[in-house]
Every structure is written in C-alpha cells, then in structure tokens.
Amino acid sequence: MSVAKVIELNAASKTSMEDAVKIGLKKCSETVQGIQGAWVNEIKVVTDGSGNVTEWRVNLKVTFLVQ
C-alpha cells in the first residue's frame, strides 16, 4: 500500500507561469523525493505602473510518495 502526502509551495518567475512551475518543482525536488505531480492552485501576476506583467507567481500543491 502506498501513502502520498501533499505540500503547498509558492514559486515565481519573471519569464512565464510555466517557468515558475518548473522553478518550484526543481527547488522542491532538492529535498523531497518521489514527487508524483503537482496541481497549480493559484496564479498571480505582479505588474508595473503601465499594466505590464513583471513577475508570474504560482501556488503549487505537490504530491509525493511517503517512504
């Protein structure tokens, strides 16, 4: 029988939402083993005074197997 755990984390990128997800998962994998997937729970952008996106932020729920 397998047991999975879900943790929540935030990540950011100046490039794109996809890049923010990749950055978050890569950092998480440095300490968490057995990552099975992630759910993008929330997306937020930071803008400058002209309404241009300057940073993408994501909230991830990462699922991994408990060993």
PDB file of N, CA and C in Angstrom:
ATOM      1  N   MET A   1       0.846  -1.174   0.000  1.00  0.00           N
ATOM      2  CA  MET A   1       0.000   0.000   0.000  1.00  0.00           C
ATOM      3  C   MET A   1       0.897   1.245   0.000  1.00  0.00           C
ATOM      4  N   SER A   2       0.543   2.226  -0.812  1.00  0.00           N
ATOM      5  CA  SER A   2       1.297   3.471  -0.886  1.00  0.00           C
ATOM      6  C   SER A   2       0.564   4.576  -0.137  1.00  0.00           C
ATOM      7  N   VAL A   3       1.358   5.452   0.433  1.00  0.00           N
ATOM      8  CA  VAL A   3       0.809   6.629   1.107  1.00  0.00           C
ATOM      9  C   VAL A   3       1.414   7.850   0.438  1.00  0.00           C
ATOM     10  N   ALA A   4       0.564   8.803   0.082  1.00  0.00           N
ATOM     11  CA  ALA A   4       1.028  10.034  -0.555  1.00  0.00           C
ATOM     12  C   ALA A   4       0.784  11.210   0.379  1.00  0.00           C
ATOM     13  N   LYS A   5       1.626  12.208   0.240  1.00  0.00           N
ATOM     14  CA  LYS A   5       1.492  13.429   1.027  1.00  0.00           C
ATOM     15  C   LYS A   5       1.454  14.609   0.062  1.00  0.00           C
ATOM     16  N   VAL A   6       0.757  15.666   0.454  1.00  0.00           N
ATOM     17  CA  VAL A   6       0.657  16.873  -0.360  1.00  0.00           C
ATOM     18  C   VAL A   6       1.224  18.040   0.441  1.00  0.00           C
ATOM     19  N   ILE A   7       2.135  18.788  -0.174  1.00  0.00           N
ATOM     20  CA  ILE A   7       2.652  20.001   0.435  1.00  0.00           C
ATOM     21  C   ILE A   7       2.339  21.175  -0.490  1.00  0.00           C
ATOM     22  N   GLU A   8       2.269  22.343   0.084  1.00  0.00           N
ATOM     23  CA  GLU A   8       1.945  23.539  -0.685  1.00  0.00           C
ATOM     24  C   GLU A   8       3.160  24.455  -0.719  1.00  0.00           C
ATOM     25  N   LEU A   9       3.455  25.008  -1.893  1.00  0.00           N
ATOM     26  CA  LEU A   9       4.566  25.930  -2.006  1.00  0.00           C
ATOM     27  C   LEU A   9       4.263  27.012  -3.029  1.00  0.00           C
ATOM     28  N   ASN A  10       5.009  28.114  -2.942  1.00  0.00           N
ATOM     29  CA  ASN A  10       4.872  29.234  -3.871  1.00  0.00           C
ATOM     30  C   ASN A  10       6.173  29.384  -4.631  1.00  0.00           C
ATOM     31  N   ALA A  11       6.061  29.750  -5.916  1.00  0.00           N
ATOM     32  CA  ALA A  11       7.244  29.974  -6.747  1.00  0.00           C
ATOM     33  C   ALA A  11       6.958  31.149  -7.674  1.00  0.00           C
ATOM     34  N   ALA A  12       8.047  31.779  -8.151  1.00  0.00           N
ATOM     35  CA  ALA A  12       7.898  32.955  -9.010  1.00  0.00           C
ATOM     36  C   ALA A  12       8.908  32.928 -10.145  1.00  0.00           C
ATOM     37  N   SER A  13       8.555  33.596 -11.243  1.00  0.00           N
ATOM     38  CA  SER A  13       9.445  33.734 -12.389  1.00  0.00           C
ATOM     39  C   SER A  13       9.135  35.042 -13.096  1.00  0.00           C
ATOM     40  N   LYS A  14      10.142  35.667 -13.633  1.00  0.00           N
ATOM     41  CA  LYS A  14       9.940  36.882 -14.418  1.00  0.00           C
ATOM     42  C   LYS A  14       9.586  36.548 -15.862  1.00  0.00           C
ATOM     43  N   THR A  15       9.716  35.268 -16.249  1.00  0.00           N
ATOM     44  CA  THR A  15       9.508  34.841 -17.628  1.00  0.00           C
ATOM     45  C   THR A  15       8.079  34.410 -17.938  1.00  0.00           C
ATOM     46  N   SER A  16       7.588  33.394 -17.191  1.00  0.00           N
ATOM     47  CA  SER A  16       6.267  32.834 -17.501  1.00  0.00           C
ATOM     48  C   SER A  16       5.730  32.013 -16.331  1.00  0.00           C
ATOM     49  N   MET A  17       4.454  31.671 -16.443  1.00  0.00           N
ATOM     50  CA  MET A  17       3.833  30.819 -15.440  1.00  0.00           C
ATOM     51  C   MET A  17       4.468  29.429 -15.485  1.00  0.00           C
ATOM     52  N   GLU A  18       4.698  28.922 -16.675  1.00  0.00           N
ATOM     53  CA  GLU A  18       5.304  27.604 -16.825  1.00  0.00           C
ATOM     54  C   GLU A  18       6.694  27.563 -16.190  1.00  0.00           C
ATOM     55  N   ASP A  19       7.459  28.615 -16.371  1.00  0.00           N
ATOM     56  CA  ASP A  19       8.787  28.692 -15.775  1.00  0.00           C
ATOM     57  C   ASP A  19       8.698  28.724 -14.254  1.00  0.00           C
ATOM     58  N   ALA A  20       7.712  29.422 -13.714  1.00  0.00           N
ATOM     59  CA  ALA A  20       7.522  29.462 -12.260  1.00  0.00           C
ATOM     60  C   ALA A  20       7.232  28.065 -11.717  1.00  0.00           C
ATOM     61  N   VAL A  21       6.412  27.296 -12.439  1.00  0.00           N
ATOM     62  CA  VAL A  21       6.116  25.919 -12.018  1.00  0.00           C
ATOM     63  C   VAL A  21       7.388  25.080 -12.038  1.00  0.00           C
ATOM     64  N   LYS A  22       8.171  25.190 -13.114  1.00  0.00           N
ATOM     65  CA  LYS A  22       9.407  24.420 -13.224  1.00  0.00           C
ATOM     66  C   LYS A  22      10.390  24.780 -12.112  1.00  0.00           C
ATOM     67  N   ILE A  23      10.518  26.068 -11.820  1.00  0.00           N
ATOM     68  CA  ILE A  23      11.416  26.520 -10.758  1.00  0.00           C
ATOM     69  C   ILE A  23      10.971  25.948  -9.413  1.00  0.00           C
ATOM     70  N   GLY A  24       9.671  26.015  -9.131  1.00  0.00           N
ATOM     71  CA  GLY A  24       9.145  25.493  -7.873  1.00  0.00           C
ATOM     72  C   GLY A  24       9.376  24.000  -7.722  1.00  0.00           C
ATOM     73  N   LEU A  25       9.115  23.232  -8.776  1.00  0.00           N
ATOM     74  CA  LEU A  25       9.300  21.780  -8.711  1.00  0.00           C
ATOM     75  C   LEU A  25      10.775  21.406  -8.597  1.00  0.00           C
ATOM     76  N   LYS A  26      11.634  22.131  -9.301  1.00  0.00           N
ATOM     77  CA  LYS A  26      13.067  21.838  -9.224  1.00  0.00           C
ATOM     78  C   LYS A  26      13.601  22.091  -7.814  1.00  0.00           C
ATOM     79  N   LYS A  27      13.221  23.216  -7.221  1.00  0.00           N
ATOM     80  CA  LYS A  27      13.664  23.535  -5.858  1.00  0.00           C
ATOM     81  C   LYS A  27      13.121  22.508  -4.864  1.00  0.00           C
ATOM     82  N   CYS A  28      11.858  22.140  -5.032  1.00  0.00           N
ATOM     83  CA  CYS A  28      11.230  21.157  -4.142  1.00  0.00           C
ATOM     84  C   CYS A  28      11.947  19.807  -4.228  1.00  0.00           C
ATOM     85  N   SER A  29      12.350  19.421  -5.435  1.00  0.00           N
ATOM     86  CA  SER A  29      12.990  18.115  -5.629  1.00  0.00           C
ATOM     87  C   SER A  29      14.370  18.027  -4.977  1.00  0.00           C
ATOM     88  N   GLU A  30      14.927  19.160  -4.555  1.00  0.00           N
ATOM     89  CA  GLU A  30      16.217  19.137  -3.858  1.00  0.00           C
ATOM     90  C   GLU A  30      16.106  18.485  -2.483  1.00  0.00           C
ATOM     91  N   THR A  31      14.910  18.541  -1.882  1.00  0.00           N
ATOM     92  CA  THR A  31      14.733  17.968  -0.546  1.00  0.00           C
ATOM     93  C   THR A  31      13.627  16.921  -0.471  1.00  0.00           C
ATOM     94  N   VAL A  32      12.748  16.888  -1.452  1.00  0.00           N
ATOM     95  CA  VAL A  32      11.628  15.941  -1.444  1.00  0.00           C
ATOM     96  C   VAL A  32      11.849  14.910  -2.545  1.00  0.00           C
ATOM     97  N   GLN A  33      11.758  13.630  -2.189  1.00  0.00           N
ATOM     98  CA  GLN A  33      11.919  12.560  -3.166  1.00  0.00           C
ATOM     99  C   GLN A  33      10.569  11.934  -3.472  1.00  0.00           C
ATOM    100  N   GLY A  34      10.439  11.350  -4.648  1.00  0.00           N
ATOM    101  CA  GLY A  34       9.220  10.637  -5.017  1.00  0.00           C
ATOM    102  C   GLY A  34       8.077  11.536  -5.448  1.00  0.00           C
ATOM    103  N   ILE A  35       8.392  12.713  -6.003  1.00  0.00           N
ATOM    104  CA  ILE A  35       7.333  13.629  -6.463  1.00  0.00           C
ATOM    105  C   ILE A  35       6.555  12.961  -7.585  1.00  0.00           C
ATOM    106  N   GLN A  36       5.246  12.932  -7.440  1.00  0.00           N
ATOM    107  CA  GLN A  36       4.368  12.294  -8.414  1.00  0.00           C
ATOM    108  C   GLN A  36       3.683  13.291  -9.340  1.00  0.00           C
ATOM    109  N   GLY A  37       3.491  14.514  -8.869  1.00  0.00           N
ATOM    110  CA  GLY A  37       2.805  15.517  -9.678  1.00  0.00           C
ATOM    111  C   GLY A  37       2.528  16.758  -8.860  1.00  0.00           C
ATOM    112  N   ALA A  38       1.937  17.741  -9.528  1.00  0.00           N
ATOM    113  CA  ALA A  38       1.622  18.998  -8.853  1.00  0.00           C
ATOM    114  C   ALA A  38       0.340  19.570  -9.443  1.00  0.00           C
ATOM    115  N   TRP A  39      -0.369  20.280  -8.606  1.00  0.00           N
ATOM    116  CA  TRP A  39      -1.593  20.968  -9.001  1.00  0.00           C
ATOM    117  C   TRP A  39      -1.332  22.459  -8.852  1.00  0.00           C
ATOM    118  N   VAL A  40      -1.530  23.212  -9.952  1.00  0.00           N
ATOM    119  CA  VAL A  40      -1.386  24.664  -9.887  1.00  0.00           C
ATOM    120  C   VAL A  40      -2.679  25.196  -9.292  1.00  0.00           C
ATOM    121  N   ASN A  41      -2.597  25.596  -8.047  1.00  0.00           N
ATOM    122  CA  ASN A  41      -3.761  26.001  -7.280  1.00  0.00           C
ATOM    123  C   ASN A  41      -4.154  27.457  -7.539  1.00  0.00           C
ATOM    124  N   GLU A  42      -3.159  28.300  -7.761  1.00  0.00           N
ATOM    125  CA  GLU A  42      -3.429  29.728  -7.893  1.00  0.00           C
ATOM    126  C   GLU A  42      -2.351  30.362  -8.764  1.00  0.00           C
ATOM    127  N   ILE A  43      -2.742  31.353  -9.560  1.00  0.00           N
ATOM    128  CA  ILE A  43      -1.818  32.106 -10.403  1.00  0.00           C
ATOM    129  C   ILE A  43      -2.000  33.581 -10.078  1.00  0.00           C
ATOM    130  N   LYS A  44      -0.870  34.271  -9.934  1.00  0.00           N
ATOM    131  CA  LYS A  44      -0.911  35.701  -9.668  1.00  0.00           C
ATOM    132  C   LYS A  44       0.165  36.365 -10.501  1.00  0.00           C
ATOM    133  N   VAL A  45      -0.072  37.610 -10.921  1.00  0.00           N
ATOM    134  CA  VAL A  45       0.952  38.361 -11.632  1.00  0.00           C
ATOM    135  C   VAL A  45       1.233  39.662 -10.898  1.00  0.00           C
ATOM    136  N   VAL A  46       2.461  40.126 -11.010  1.00  0.00           N
ATOM    137  CA  VAL A  46       2.861  41.436 -10.498  1.00  0.00           C
ATOM    138  C   VAL A  46       3.022  42.324 -11.729  1.00  0.00           C
ATOM    139  N   THR A  47       2.520  43.539 -11.653  1.00  0.00           N
ATOM    140  CA  THR A  47       2.580  44.433 -12.804  1.00  0.00           C
ATOM    141  C   THR A  47       3.310  45.723 -12.456  1.00  0.00           C
ATOM    142  N   ASP A  48       3.755  46.399 -13.508  1.00  0.00           N
ATOM    143  CA  ASP A  48       4.331  47.726 -13.306  1.00  0.00           C
ATOM    144  C   ASP A  48       3.213  48.760 -13.440  1.00  0.00           C
ATOM    145  N   GLY A  49       3.544  50.027 -13.404  1.00  0.00           N
ATOM    146  CA  GLY A  49       2.533  51.079 -13.461  1.00  0.00           C
ATOM    147  C   GLY A  49       1.759  51.136 -14.767  1.00  0.00           C
ATOM    148  N   SER A  50       2.305  50.529 -15.822  1.00  0.00           N
ATOM    149  CA  SER A  50       1.646  50.546 -17.133  1.00  0.00           C
ATOM    150  C   SER A  50       0.800  49.303 -17.384  1.00  0.00           C
ATOM    151  N   GLY A  51       0.754  48.403 -16.423  1.00  0.00           N
ATOM    152  CA  GLY A  51      -0.038  47.182 -16.580  1.00  0.00           C
ATOM    153  C   GLY A  51       0.717  46.042 -17.231  1.00  0.00           C
ATOM    154  N   ASN A  52       2.021  46.179 -17.414  1.00  0.00           N
ATOM    155  CA  ASN A  52       2.837  45.100 -17.974  1.00  0.00           C
ATOM    156  C   ASN A  52       3.193  44.098 -16.877  1.00  0.00           C
ATOM    157  N   VAL A  53       3.149  42.822 -17.220  1.00  0.00           N
ATOM    158  CA  VAL A  53       3.479  41.773 -16.259  1.00  0.00           C
ATOM    159  C   VAL A  53       4.983  41.785 -16.010  1.00  0.00           C
ATOM    160  N   THR A  54       5.378  41.908 -14.758  1.00  0.00           N
ATOM    161  CA  THR A  54       6.793  41.905 -14.395  1.00  0.00           C
ATOM    162  C   THR A  54       7.200  40.611 -13.695  1.00  0.00           C
ATOM    163  N   GLU A  55       6.229  39.884 -13.138  1.00  0.00           N
ATOM    164  CA  GLU A  55       6.538  38.624 -12.462  1.00  0.00           C
ATOM    165  C   GLU A  55       5.303  37.740 -12.413  1.00  0.00           C
ATOM    166  N   TRP A  56       5.518  36.459 -12.647  1.00  0.00           N
ATOM    167  CA  TRP A  56       4.474  35.446 -12.532  1.00  0.00           C
ATOM    168  C   TRP A  56       4.680  34.701 -11.229  1.00  0.00           C
ATOM    169  N   ARG A  57       3.588  34.482 -10.485  1.00  0.00           N
ATOM    170  CA  ARG A  57       3.655  33.732  -9.228  1.00  0.00           C
ATOM    171  C   ARG A  57       2.623  32.608  -9.261  1.00  0.00           C
ATOM    172  N   VAL A  58       3.026  31.445  -8.782  1.00  0.00           N
ATOM    173  CA  VAL A  58       2.111  30.300  -8.736  1.00  0.00           C
ATOM    174  C   VAL A  58       2.116  29.693  -7.342  1.00  0.00           C
ATOM    175  N   ASN A  59       0.996  29.147  -6.965  1.00  0.00           N
ATOM    176  CA  ASN A  59       0.845  28.382  -5.736  1.00  0.00           C
ATOM    177  C   ASN A  59       0.674  26.937  -6.187  1.00  0.00           C
ATOM    178  N   LEU A  60       1.553  26.055  -5.720  1.00  0.00           N
ATOM    179  CA  LEU A  60       1.526  24.651  -6.132  1.00  0.00           C
ATOM    180  C   LEU A  60       1.199  23.746  -4.962  1.00  0.00           C
ATOM    181  N   LYS A  61       0.438  22.699  -5.245  1.00  0.00           N
ATOM    182  CA  LYS A  61       0.247  21.603  -4.303  1.00  0.00           C
ATOM    183  C   LYS A  61       0.968  20.405  -4.912  1.00  0.00           C
ATOM    184  N   VAL A  62       2.052  20.016  -4.259  1.00  0.00           N
ATOM    185  CA  VAL A  62       2.928  18.960  -4.776  1.00  0.00           C
ATOM    186  C   VAL A  62       2.637  17.656  -4.044  1.00  0.00           C
ATOM    187  N   THR A  63       2.440  16.591  -4.815  1.00  0.00           N
ATOM    188  CA  THR A  63       2.146  15.275  -4.253  1.00  0.00           C
ATOM    189  C   THR A  63       3.387  14.380  -4.382  1.00  0.00           C
ATOM    190  N   PHE A  64       3.724  13.701  -3.286  1.00  0.00           N
ATOM    191  CA  PHE A  64       4.856  12.772  -3.319  1.00  0.00           C
ATOM    192  C   PHE A  64       4.543  11.567  -2.456  1.00  0.00           C
ATOM    193  N   LEU A  65       5.221  10.478  -2.754  1.00  0.00           N
ATOM    194  CA  LEU A  65       5.025   9.238  -2.010  1.00  0.00           C
ATOM    195  C   LEU A  65       5.825   9.266  -0.725  1.00  0.00           C
ATOM    196  N   VAL A  66       5.209   8.829   0.363  1.00  0.00           N
ATOM    197  CA  VAL A  66       5.885   8.718   1.654  1.00  0.00           C
ATOM    198  C   VAL A  66       6.618   7.377   1.669  1.00  0.00           C
ATOM    199  N   GLN A  67       7.885   7.425   2.051  1.00  0.00           N
ATOM    200  CA  GLN A  67       8.691   6.195   2.041  1.00  0.00           C
ATOM    201  C   GLN A  67       8.806   5.592   3.422  1.00  0.00           C
TER     202      GLN A  67
END
